[in-house]
Full PDB file with SEQRES, HELIX, SHEET, SSBOND, CRYST1, ORIGX, SCALE, CONECT and MASTER records, all heavy atoms in Angstrom:
SEQRES   1 A   31  GLU ARG PRO ALA PHE ILE LYS LEU HIS TYR PRO LYS MET          
SEQRES   2 A   31  TYR LEU CYS PRO GLU HIS PHE THR GLU TYR PHE GLU ARG          
SEQRES   3 A   31  LYS VAL LYS ARG THR                                          
HELIX    1 AA1 PRO A   17  ARG A   30  1                                  14    
SHEET    1 AA1 2 ILE A   6  HIS A   9  0                                        
SHEET    2 AA1 2 LYS A  12  LEU A  15 -1                                        
CRYST1    1.000    1.000    1.000  90.00  90.00  90.00 P 1           1          
ORIGX1      1.000000  0.000000  0.000000        0.00000                         
ORIGX2      0.000000  1.000000  0.000000        0.00000                         
ORIGX3      0.000000  0.000000  1.000000        0.00000                         
SCALE1      1.000000  0.000000  0.000000        0.00000                         
SCALE2      0.000000  1.000000  0.000000        0.00000                         
SCALE3      0.000000  0.000000  1.000000        0.00000                         
ATOM      1  N   GLU A   1      20.752-300.549 -43.777  1.00  0.00           N  
ATOM      2  CA  GLU A   1      21.911-301.216 -44.365  1.00  0.00           C  
ATOM      3  C   GLU A   1      22.088-300.911 -45.838  1.00  0.00           C  
ATOM      4  O   GLU A   1      23.039-301.373 -46.473  1.00  0.00           O  
ATOM      5  CB  GLU A   1      21.794-302.750 -44.177  1.00  0.00           C  
ATOM      6  CG  GLU A   1      21.884-303.150 -42.691  1.00  0.00           C  
ATOM      7  CD  GLU A   1      23.225-302.815 -42.101  1.00  0.00           C  
ATOM      8  OE1 GLU A   1      24.271-303.199 -42.674  1.00  0.00           O  
ATOM      9  OE2 GLU A   1      23.253-302.188 -41.051  1.00  0.00           O  
ATOM     10  N   ARG A   2      21.167-300.101 -46.426  1.00  0.00           N  
ATOM     11  CA  ARG A   2      21.283-299.801 -47.877  1.00  0.00           C  
ATOM     12  C   ARG A   2      22.361-298.851 -48.172  1.00  0.00           C  
ATOM     13  O   ARG A   2      22.734-298.016 -47.323  1.00  0.00           O  
ATOM     14  CB  ARG A   2      19.945-299.269 -48.349  1.00  0.00           C  
ATOM     15  CG  ARG A   2      18.851-300.346 -48.528  1.00  0.00           C  
ATOM     16  CD  ARG A   2      17.491-299.775 -48.809  1.00  0.00           C  
ATOM     17  NE  ARG A   2      16.947-299.088 -47.639  1.00  0.00           N  
ATOM     18  CZ  ARG A   2      15.683-298.745 -47.517  1.00  0.00           C  
ATOM     19  NH1 ARG A   2      14.855-298.934 -48.471  1.00  0.00           N  
ATOM     20  NH2 ARG A   2      15.269-298.170 -46.428  1.00  0.00           N  
ATOM     21  N   PRO A   3      22.933-298.877 -49.383  1.00  0.00           N  
ATOM     22  CA  PRO A   3      23.991-297.939 -49.804  1.00  0.00           C  
ATOM     23  C   PRO A   3      23.489-296.532 -49.726  1.00  0.00           C  
ATOM     24  O   PRO A   3      22.340-296.227 -49.965  1.00  0.00           O  
ATOM     25  CB  PRO A   3      24.293-298.348 -51.263  1.00  0.00           C  
ATOM     26  CG  PRO A   3      23.785-299.732 -51.439  1.00  0.00           C  
ATOM     27  CD  PRO A   3      22.609-299.858 -50.494  1.00  0.00           C  
ATOM     28  N   ALA A   4      24.406-295.657 -49.323  1.00  0.00           N  
ATOM     29  CA  ALA A   4      24.041-294.219 -49.198  1.00  0.00           C  
ATOM     30  C   ALA A   4      23.764-293.590 -50.578  1.00  0.00           C  
ATOM     31  O   ALA A   4      24.457-293.900 -51.585  1.00  0.00           O  
ATOM     32  CB  ALA A   4      25.206-293.459 -48.539  1.00  0.00           C  
ATOM     33  N   PHE A   5      22.810-292.738 -50.651  1.00  0.00           N  
ATOM     34  CA  PHE A   5      22.446-291.984 -51.877  1.00  0.00           C  
ATOM     35  C   PHE A   5      23.036-290.579 -51.876  1.00  0.00           C  
ATOM     36  O   PHE A   5      23.416-290.051 -52.890  1.00  0.00           O  
ATOM     37  CB  PHE A   5      20.907-291.947 -51.976  1.00  0.00           C  
ATOM     38  CG  PHE A   5      20.355-290.932 -52.950  1.00  0.00           C  
ATOM     39  CD1 PHE A   5      20.461-291.111 -54.303  1.00  0.00           C  
ATOM     40  CD2 PHE A   5      19.706-289.800 -52.489  1.00  0.00           C  
ATOM     41  CE1 PHE A   5      19.980-290.164 -55.202  1.00  0.00           C  
ATOM     42  CE2 PHE A   5      19.217-288.885 -53.317  1.00  0.00           C  
ATOM     43  CZ  PHE A   5      19.319-289.072 -54.705  1.00  0.00           C  
ATOM     44  N   ILE A   6      23.099-289.999 -50.631  1.00  0.00           N  
ATOM     45  CA  ILE A   6      23.609-288.642 -50.505  1.00  0.00           C  
ATOM     46  C   ILE A   6      24.358-288.447 -49.193  1.00  0.00           C  
ATOM     47  O   ILE A   6      23.983-289.088 -48.211  1.00  0.00           O  
ATOM     48  CB  ILE A   6      22.476-287.606 -50.569  1.00  0.00           C  
ATOM     49  CG1 ILE A   6      22.955-286.191 -50.614  1.00  0.00           C  
ATOM     50  CG2 ILE A   6      21.440-287.841 -49.449  1.00  0.00           C  
ATOM     51  CD1 ILE A   6      21.901-285.097 -50.855  1.00  0.00           C  
ATOM     52  N   LYS A   7      25.378-287.626 -49.283  1.00  0.00           N  
ATOM     53  CA  LYS A   7      26.071-287.231 -48.046  1.00  0.00           C  
ATOM     54  C   LYS A   7      25.594-285.781 -47.693  1.00  0.00           C  
ATOM     55  O   LYS A   7      25.903-284.859 -48.471  1.00  0.00           O  
ATOM     56  CB  LYS A   7      27.564-287.270 -48.181  1.00  0.00           C  
ATOM     57  CG  LYS A   7      28.301-286.802 -46.960  1.00  0.00           C  
ATOM     58  CD  LYS A   7      29.841-286.660 -47.192  1.00  0.00           C  
ATOM     59  CE  LYS A   7      30.525-286.122 -45.976  1.00  0.00           C  
ATOM     60  NZ  LYS A   7      31.992-285.964 -46.213  1.00  0.00           N  
ATOM     61  N   LEU A   8      24.959-285.637 -46.557  1.00  0.00           N  
ATOM     62  CA  LEU A   8      24.561-284.292 -46.120  1.00  0.00           C  
ATOM     63  C   LEU A   8      25.740-283.719 -45.365  1.00  0.00           C  
ATOM     64  O   LEU A   8      26.358-284.409 -44.512  1.00  0.00           O  
ATOM     65  CB  LEU A   8      23.330-284.335 -45.248  1.00  0.00           C  
ATOM     66  CG  LEU A   8      22.032-284.842 -45.902  1.00  0.00           C  
ATOM     67  CD1 LEU A   8      20.898-284.877 -44.868  1.00  0.00           C  
ATOM     68  CD2 LEU A   8      21.687-284.008 -47.097  1.00  0.00           C  
ATOM     69  N   HIS A   9      26.055-282.488 -45.607  1.00  0.00           N  
ATOM     70  CA  HIS A   9      27.164-281.854 -44.941  1.00  0.00           C  
ATOM     71  C   HIS A   9      26.730-281.135 -43.648  1.00  0.00           C  
ATOM     72  O   HIS A   9      27.532-280.869 -42.754  1.00  0.00           O  
ATOM     73  CB  HIS A   9      27.823-280.836 -45.860  1.00  0.00           C  
ATOM     74  CG  HIS A   9      28.357-281.463 -47.091  1.00  0.00           C  
ATOM     75  ND1 HIS A   9      29.418-282.306 -47.121  1.00  0.00           N  
ATOM     76  CD2 HIS A   9      27.961-281.386 -48.376  1.00  0.00           C  
ATOM     77  CE1 HIS A   9      29.673-282.774 -48.341  1.00  0.00           C  
ATOM     78  NE2 HIS A   9      28.775-282.210 -49.136  1.00  0.00           N  
ATOM     79  N   TYR A  10      25.407-280.769 -43.577  1.00  0.00           N  
ATOM     80  CA  TYR A  10      24.909-280.051 -42.400  1.00  0.00           C  
ATOM     81  C   TYR A  10      23.449-280.357 -42.254  1.00  0.00           C  
ATOM     82  O   TYR A  10      22.611-279.802 -43.016  1.00  0.00           O  
ATOM     83  CB  TYR A  10      25.173-278.541 -42.505  1.00  0.00           C  
ATOM     84  CG  TYR A  10      24.863-277.804 -41.212  1.00  0.00           C  
ATOM     85  CD1 TYR A  10      25.807-277.660 -40.270  1.00  0.00           C  
ATOM     86  CD2 TYR A  10      23.608-277.188 -41.014  1.00  0.00           C  
ATOM     87  CE1 TYR A  10      25.579-276.971 -39.049  1.00  0.00           C  
ATOM     88  CE2 TYR A  10      23.332-276.493 -39.849  1.00  0.00           C  
ATOM     89  CZ  TYR A  10      24.320-276.382 -38.888  1.00  0.00           C  
ATOM     90  OH  TYR A  10      24.056-275.751 -37.723  1.00  0.00           O  
ATOM     91  N   PRO A  11      23.026-281.246 -41.343  1.00  0.00           N  
ATOM     92  CA  PRO A  11      23.849-282.054 -40.440  1.00  0.00           C  
ATOM     93  C   PRO A  11      24.626-283.130 -41.225  1.00  0.00           C  
ATOM     94  O   PRO A  11      24.148-283.590 -42.253  1.00  0.00           O  
ATOM     95  CB  PRO A  11      22.836-282.634 -39.506  1.00  0.00           C  
ATOM     96  CG  PRO A  11      21.576-282.753 -40.341  1.00  0.00           C  
ATOM     97  CD  PRO A  11      21.556-281.561 -41.189  1.00  0.00           C  
ATOM     98  N   LYS A  12      25.744-283.523 -40.646  1.00  0.00           N  
ATOM     99  CA  LYS A  12      26.626-284.439 -41.381  1.00  0.00           C  
ATOM    100  C   LYS A  12      26.082-285.900 -41.231  1.00  0.00           C  
ATOM    101  O   LYS A  12      26.104-286.445 -40.143  1.00  0.00           O  
ATOM    102  CB  LYS A  12      28.025-284.362 -40.808  1.00  0.00           C  
ATOM    103  CG  LYS A  12      29.003-285.177 -41.647  1.00  0.00           C  
ATOM    104  CD  LYS A  12      30.450-284.936 -41.112  1.00  0.00           C  
ATOM    105  CE  LYS A  12      31.465-285.708 -41.938  1.00  0.00           C  
ATOM    106  NZ  LYS A  12      32.840-285.528 -41.494  1.00  0.00           N  
ATOM    107  N   MET A  13      25.617-286.492 -42.334  1.00  0.00           N  
ATOM    108  CA  MET A  13      25.181-287.912 -42.344  1.00  0.00           C  
ATOM    109  C   MET A  13      24.934-288.401 -43.763  1.00  0.00           C  
ATOM    110  O   MET A  13      24.737-287.590 -44.671  1.00  0.00           O  
ATOM    111  CB  MET A  13      23.865-288.030 -41.491  1.00  0.00           C  
ATOM    112  CG  MET A  13      22.694-287.274 -41.983  1.00  0.00           C  
ATOM    113  SD  MET A  13      21.266-287.545 -40.857  1.00  0.00           S  
ATOM    114  CE  MET A  13      20.171-286.284 -41.426  1.00  0.00           C  
ATOM    115  N   TYR A  14      25.006-289.699 -43.842  1.00  0.00           N  
ATOM    116  CA  TYR A  14      24.724-290.373 -45.171  1.00  0.00           C  
ATOM    117  C   TYR A  14      23.320-290.953 -45.152  1.00  0.00           C  
ATOM    118  O   TYR A  14      22.962-291.525 -44.111  1.00  0.00           O  
ATOM    119  CB  TYR A  14      25.742-291.500 -45.415  1.00  0.00           C  
ATOM    120  CG  TYR A  14      27.156-291.042 -45.652  1.00  0.00           C  
ATOM    121  CD1 TYR A  14      28.040-290.888 -44.583  1.00  0.00           C  
ATOM    122  CD2 TYR A  14      27.640-290.735 -46.921  1.00  0.00           C  
ATOM    123  CE1 TYR A  14      29.328-290.470 -44.748  1.00  0.00           C  
ATOM    124  CE2 TYR A  14      28.925-290.334 -47.124  1.00  0.00           C  
ATOM    125  CZ  TYR A  14      29.760-290.189 -46.049  1.00  0.00           C  
ATOM    126  OH  TYR A  14      31.063-289.769 -46.244  1.00  0.00           O  
ATOM    127  N   LEU A  15      22.576-290.833 -46.235  1.00  0.00           N  
ATOM    128  CA  LEU A  15      21.200-291.352 -46.278  1.00  0.00           C  
ATOM    129  C   LEU A  15      20.933-292.015 -47.626  1.00  0.00           C  
ATOM    130  O   LEU A  15      21.409-291.613 -48.680  1.00  0.00           O  
ATOM    131  CB  LEU A  15      20.171-290.165 -46.111  1.00  0.00           C  
ATOM    132  CG  LEU A  15      20.174-289.409 -44.800  1.00  0.00           C  
ATOM    133  CD1 LEU A  15      19.279-288.240 -44.856  1.00  0.00           C  
ATOM    134  CD2 LEU A  15      19.841-290.353 -43.623  1.00  0.00           C  
ATOM    135  N   CYS A  16      20.120-293.085 -47.538  1.00  0.00           N  
ATOM    136  CA  CYS A  16      19.644-293.786 -48.772  1.00  0.00           C  
ATOM    137  C   CYS A  16      18.495-292.979 -49.319  1.00  0.00           C  
ATOM    138  O   CYS A  16      17.999-292.029 -48.652  1.00  0.00           O  
ATOM    139  CB  CYS A  16      19.130-295.188 -48.422  1.00  0.00           C  
ATOM    140  SG  CYS A  16      17.684-295.197 -47.327  1.00  0.00           S  
ATOM    141  N   PRO A  17      17.981-293.273 -50.546  1.00  0.00           N  
ATOM    142  CA  PRO A  17      16.890-292.450 -51.145  1.00  0.00           C  
ATOM    143  C   PRO A  17      15.653-292.395 -50.272  1.00  0.00           C  
ATOM    144  O   PRO A  17      15.064-291.332 -50.145  1.00  0.00           O  
ATOM    145  CB  PRO A  17      16.609-293.205 -52.451  1.00  0.00           C  
ATOM    146  CG  PRO A  17      17.879-293.872 -52.776  1.00  0.00           C  
ATOM    147  CD  PRO A  17      18.507-294.316 -51.488  1.00  0.00           C  
ATOM    148  N   GLU A  18      15.240-293.477 -49.671  1.00  0.00           N  
ATOM    149  CA  GLU A  18      14.068-293.521 -48.853  1.00  0.00           C  
ATOM    150  C   GLU A  18      14.170-292.678 -47.592  1.00  0.00           C  
ATOM    151  O   GLU A  18      13.281-291.846 -47.257  1.00  0.00           O  
ATOM    152  CB  GLU A  18      13.720-294.954 -48.468  1.00  0.00           C  
ATOM    153  CG  GLU A  18      13.244-295.868 -49.564  1.00  0.00           C  
ATOM    154  CD  GLU A  18      14.410-296.351 -50.474  1.00  0.00           C  
ATOM    155  OE1 GLU A  18      15.600-296.199 -50.108  1.00  0.00           O  
ATOM    156  OE2 GLU A  18      14.062-296.829 -51.555  1.00  0.00           O  
ATOM    157  N   HIS A  19      15.349-292.816 -46.884  1.00  0.00           N  
ATOM    158  CA  HIS A  19      15.475-292.006 -45.663  1.00  0.00           C  
ATOM    159  C   HIS A  19      15.772-290.577 -45.969  1.00  0.00           C  
ATOM    160  O   HIS A  19      15.434-289.661 -45.177  1.00  0.00           O  
ATOM    161  CB  HIS A  19      16.564-292.640 -44.779  1.00  0.00           C  
ATOM    162  CG  HIS A  19      16.115-293.851 -44.002  1.00  0.00           C  
ATOM    163  ND1 HIS A  19      16.513-295.097 -44.298  1.00  0.00           N  
ATOM    164  CD2 HIS A  19      15.176-293.978 -43.030  1.00  0.00           C  
ATOM    165  CE1 HIS A  19      15.913-295.935 -43.555  1.00  0.00           C  
ATOM    166  NE2 HIS A  19      15.096-295.283 -42.740  1.00  0.00           N  
ATOM    167  N   PHE A  20      16.410-290.308 -47.087  1.00  0.00           N  
ATOM    168  CA  PHE A  20      16.561-288.892 -47.493  1.00  0.00           C  
ATOM    169  C   PHE A  20      15.227-288.213 -47.831  1.00  0.00           C  
ATOM    170  O   PHE A  20      14.930-287.099 -47.426  1.00  0.00           O  
ATOM    171  CB  PHE A  20      17.500-288.738 -48.729  1.00  0.00           C  
ATOM    172  CG  PHE A  20      17.536-287.348 -49.244  1.00  0.00           C  
ATOM    173  CD1 PHE A  20      18.174-286.332 -48.546  1.00  0.00           C  
ATOM    174  CD2 PHE A  20      16.927-287.018 -50.435  1.00  0.00           C  
ATOM    175  CE1 PHE A  20      18.180-285.010 -48.996  1.00  0.00           C  
ATOM    176  CE2 PHE A  20      16.950-285.737 -50.913  1.00  0.00           C  
ATOM    177  CZ  PHE A  20      17.555-284.710 -50.199  1.00  0.00           C  
ATOM    178  N   THR A  21      14.349-288.953 -48.529  1.00  0.00           N  
ATOM    179  CA  THR A  21      12.991-288.452 -48.827  1.00  0.00           C  
ATOM    180  C   THR A  21      12.247-288.116 -47.536  1.00  0.00           C  
ATOM    181  O   THR A  21      11.619-287.060 -47.418  1.00  0.00           O  
ATOM    182  CB  THR A  21      12.252-289.458 -49.675  1.00  0.00           C  
ATOM    183  OG1 THR A  21      12.909-289.603 -50.958  1.00  0.00           O  
ATOM    184  CG2 THR A  21      10.800-288.999 -49.896  1.00  0.00           C  
ATOM    185  N   GLU A  22      12.333-289.030 -46.560  1.00  0.00           N  
ATOM    186  CA  GLU A  22      11.690-288.831 -45.249  1.00  0.00           C  
ATOM    187  C   GLU A  22      12.282-287.563 -44.593  1.00  0.00           C  
ATOM    188  O   GLU A  22      11.493-286.725 -44.009  1.00  0.00           O  
ATOM    189  CB  GLU A  22      11.869-290.038 -44.360  1.00  0.00           C  
ATOM    190  CG  GLU A  22      11.038-291.246 -44.783  1.00  0.00           C  
ATOM    191  CD  GLU A  22      11.278-292.426 -43.815  1.00  0.00           C  
ATOM    192  OE1 GLU A  22      11.890-292.212 -42.742  1.00  0.00           O  
ATOM    193  OE2 GLU A  22      10.872-293.545 -44.184  1.00  0.00           O  
ATOM    194  N   TYR A  23      13.586-287.458 -44.584  1.00  0.00           N  
ATOM    195  CA  TYR A  23      14.242-286.284 -43.970  1.00  0.00           C  
ATOM    196  C   TYR A  23      13.803-284.972 -44.659  1.00  0.00           C  
ATOM    197  O   TYR A  23      13.475-284.027 -43.983  1.00  0.00           O  
ATOM    198  CB  TYR A  23      15.759-286.482 -44.130  1.00  0.00           C  
ATOM    199  CG  TYR A  23      16.576-285.197 -44.039  1.00  0.00           C  
ATOM    200  CD1 TYR A  23      16.900-284.717 -42.772  1.00  0.00           C  
ATOM    201  CD2 TYR A  23      16.988-284.499 -45.128  1.00  0.00           C  
ATOM    202  CE1 TYR A  23      17.702-283.566 -42.648  1.00  0.00           C  
ATOM    203  CE2 TYR A  23      17.708-283.337 -45.028  1.00  0.00           C  
ATOM    204  CZ  TYR A  23      18.042-282.856 -43.812  1.00  0.00           C  
ATOM    205  OH  TYR A  23      18.785-281.666 -43.718  1.00  0.00           O  
ATOM    206  N   PHE A  24      13.767-284.982 -45.997  1.00  0.00           N  
ATOM    207  CA  PHE A  24      13.387-283.752 -46.745  1.00  0.00           C  
ATOM    208  C   PHE A  24      11.960-283.327 -46.455  1.00  0.00           C  
ATOM    209  O   PHE A  24      11.691-282.169 -46.117  1.00  0.00           O  
ATOM    210  CB  PHE A  24      13.592-284.042 -48.218  1.00  0.00           C  
ATOM    211  CG  PHE A  24      13.466-282.849 -49.124  1.00  0.00           C  
ATOM    212  CD1 PHE A  24      14.587-282.216 -49.555  1.00  0.00           C  
ATOM    213  CD2 PHE A  24      12.184-282.376 -49.525  1.00  0.00           C  
ATOM    214  CE1 PHE A  24      14.454-281.094 -50.448  1.00  0.00           C  
ATOM    215  CE2 PHE A  24      12.100-281.275 -50.313  1.00  0.00           C  
ATOM    216  CZ  PHE A  24      13.216-280.623 -50.739  1.00  0.00           C  
ATOM    217  N   GLU A  25      11.036-284.280 -46.492  1.00  0.00           N  
ATOM    218  CA  GLU A  25       9.621-283.959 -46.250  1.00  0.00           C  
ATOM    219  C   GLU A  25       9.386-283.576 -44.820  1.00  0.00           C  
ATOM    220  O   GLU A  25       8.522-282.670 -44.575  1.00  0.00           O  
ATOM    221  CB  GLU A  25       8.754-285.207 -46.658  1.00  0.00           C  
ATOM    222  CG  GLU A  25       8.824-285.446 -48.186  1.00  0.00           C  
ATOM    223  CD  GLU A  25       8.166-286.811 -48.572  1.00  0.00           C  
ATOM    224  OE1 GLU A  25       7.721-287.514 -47.672  1.00  0.00           O  
ATOM    225  OE2 GLU A  25       8.125-287.093 -49.755  1.00  0.00           O  
ATOM    226  N   ARG A  26      10.113-284.170 -43.885  1.00  0.00           N  
ATOM    227  CA  ARG A  26       9.967-283.773 -42.478  1.00  0.00           C  
ATOM    228  C   ARG A  26      10.462-282.350 -42.301  1.00  0.00           C  
ATOM    229  O   ARG A  26       9.873-281.579 -41.507  1.00  0.00           O  
ATOM    230  CB  ARG A  26      10.724-284.773 -41.632  1.00  0.00           C  
ATOM    231  CG  ARG A  26      10.487-284.574 -40.156  1.00  0.00           C  
ATOM    232  CD  ARG A  26      11.045-285.798 -39.322  1.00  0.00           C  
ATOM    233  NE  ARG A  26      12.466-285.975 -39.527  1.00  0.00           N  
ATOM    234  CZ  ARG A  26      12.963-287.050 -40.176  1.00  0.00           C  
ATOM    235  NH1 ARG A  26      12.156-287.975 -40.687  1.00  0.00           N  
ATOM    236  NH2 ARG A  26      14.268-287.167 -40.313  1.00  0.00           N  
ATOM    237  N   LYS A  27      11.499-281.978 -43.007  1.00  0.00           N  
ATOM    238  CA  LYS A  27      12.068-280.662 -42.929  1.00  0.00           C  
ATOM    239  C   LYS A  27      11.104-279.590 -43.486  1.00  0.00           C  
ATOM    240  O   LYS A  27      10.941-278.506 -42.929  1.00  0.00           O  
ATOM    241  CB  LYS A  27      13.420-280.590 -43.625  1.00  0.00           C  
ATOM    242  CG  LYS A  27      14.297-279.440 -43.158  1.00  0.00           C  
ATOM    243  CD  LYS A  27      15.740-279.652 -43.610  1.00  0.00           C  
ATOM    244  CE  LYS A  27      16.608-278.490 -43.106  1.00  0.00           C  
ATOM    245  NZ  LYS A  27      17.998-278.642 -43.566  1.00  0.00           N  
ATOM    246  N   VAL A  28      10.443-279.961 -44.609  1.00  0.00           N  
ATOM    247  CA  VAL A  28       9.450-279.047 -45.156  1.00  0.00           C  
ATOM    248  C   VAL A  28       8.268-278.896 -44.180  1.00  0.00           C  
ATOM    249  O   VAL A  28       7.802-277.733 -43.938  1.00  0.00           O  
ATOM    250  CB  VAL A  28       8.889-279.524 -46.481  1.00  0.00           C  
ATOM    251  CG1 VAL A  28       7.757-278.658 -47.013  1.00  0.00           C  
ATOM    252  CG2 VAL A  28      10.010-279.572 -47.550  1.00  0.00           C  
ATOM    253  N   LYS A  29       7.805-279.944 -43.603  1.00  0.00           N  
ATOM    254  CA  LYS A  29       6.704-279.909 -42.638  1.00  0.00           C  
ATOM    255  C   LYS A  29       7.107-279.044 -41.431  1.00  0.00           C  
ATOM    256  O   LYS A  29       6.236-278.245 -40.976  1.00  0.00           O  
ATOM    257  CB  LYS A  29       6.349-281.351 -42.181  1.00  0.00           C  
ATOM    258  CG  LYS A  29       5.180-281.462 -41.287  1.00  0.00           C  
ATOM    259  CD  LYS A  29       4.837-282.933 -41.024  1.00  0.00           C  
ATOM    260  CE  LYS A  29       3.572-283.078 -40.191  1.00  0.00           C  
ATOM    261  NZ  LYS A  29       3.761-282.661 -38.815  1.00  0.00           N  
ATOM    262  N   ARG A  30       8.330-279.186 -40.971  1.00  0.00           N  
ATOM    263  CA  ARG A  30       8.806-278.428 -39.812  1.00  0.00           C  
ATOM    264  C   ARG A  30       8.881-276.941 -40.151  1.00  0.00           C  
ATOM    265  O   ARG A  30       8.571-276.050 -39.348  1.00  0.00           O  
ATOM    266  CB  ARG A  30      10.157-278.935 -39.363  1.00  0.00           C  
ATOM    267  CG  ARG A  30      10.568-278.363 -38.023  1.00  0.00           C  
ATOM    268  CD  ARG A  30      11.810-279.077 -37.472  1.00  0.00           C  
ATOM    269  NE  ARG A  30      12.993-278.865 -38.350  1.00  0.00           N  
ATOM    270  CZ  ARG A  30      13.806-279.791 -38.727  1.00  0.00           C  
ATOM    271  NH1 ARG A  30      13.613-281.068 -38.407  1.00  0.00           N  
ATOM    272  NH2 ARG A  30      14.848-279.512 -39.501  1.00  0.00           N  
ATOM    273  N   THR A  31       9.323-276.624 -41.417  1.00  0.00           N  
ATOM    274  CA  THR A  31       9.438-275.257 -41.844  1.00  0.00           C  
ATOM    275  C   THR A  31       7.999-274.597 -41.850  1.00  0.00           C  
ATOM    276  O   THR A  31       7.784-273.434 -41.435  1.00  0.00           O  
ATOM    277  CB  THR A  31      10.009-275.151 -43.230  1.00  0.00           C  
ATOM    278  OG1 THR A  31      11.391-275.675 -43.191  1.00  0.00           O  
ATOM    279  CG2 THR A  31      10.076-273.716 -43.738  1.00  0.00           C  
TER     280      THR A  31                                                      
MASTER        0    0    0    1    2    0    0    6  279    1    0    3          
END                                                                             
């Protein structure tokens, strides 16, 4: 329910700082 920090264009979604950090680190791990 927190305000969005960033809008990702690909994949398209809005994320707060915490969930964006999780997304980013998960993507590095997957790479």
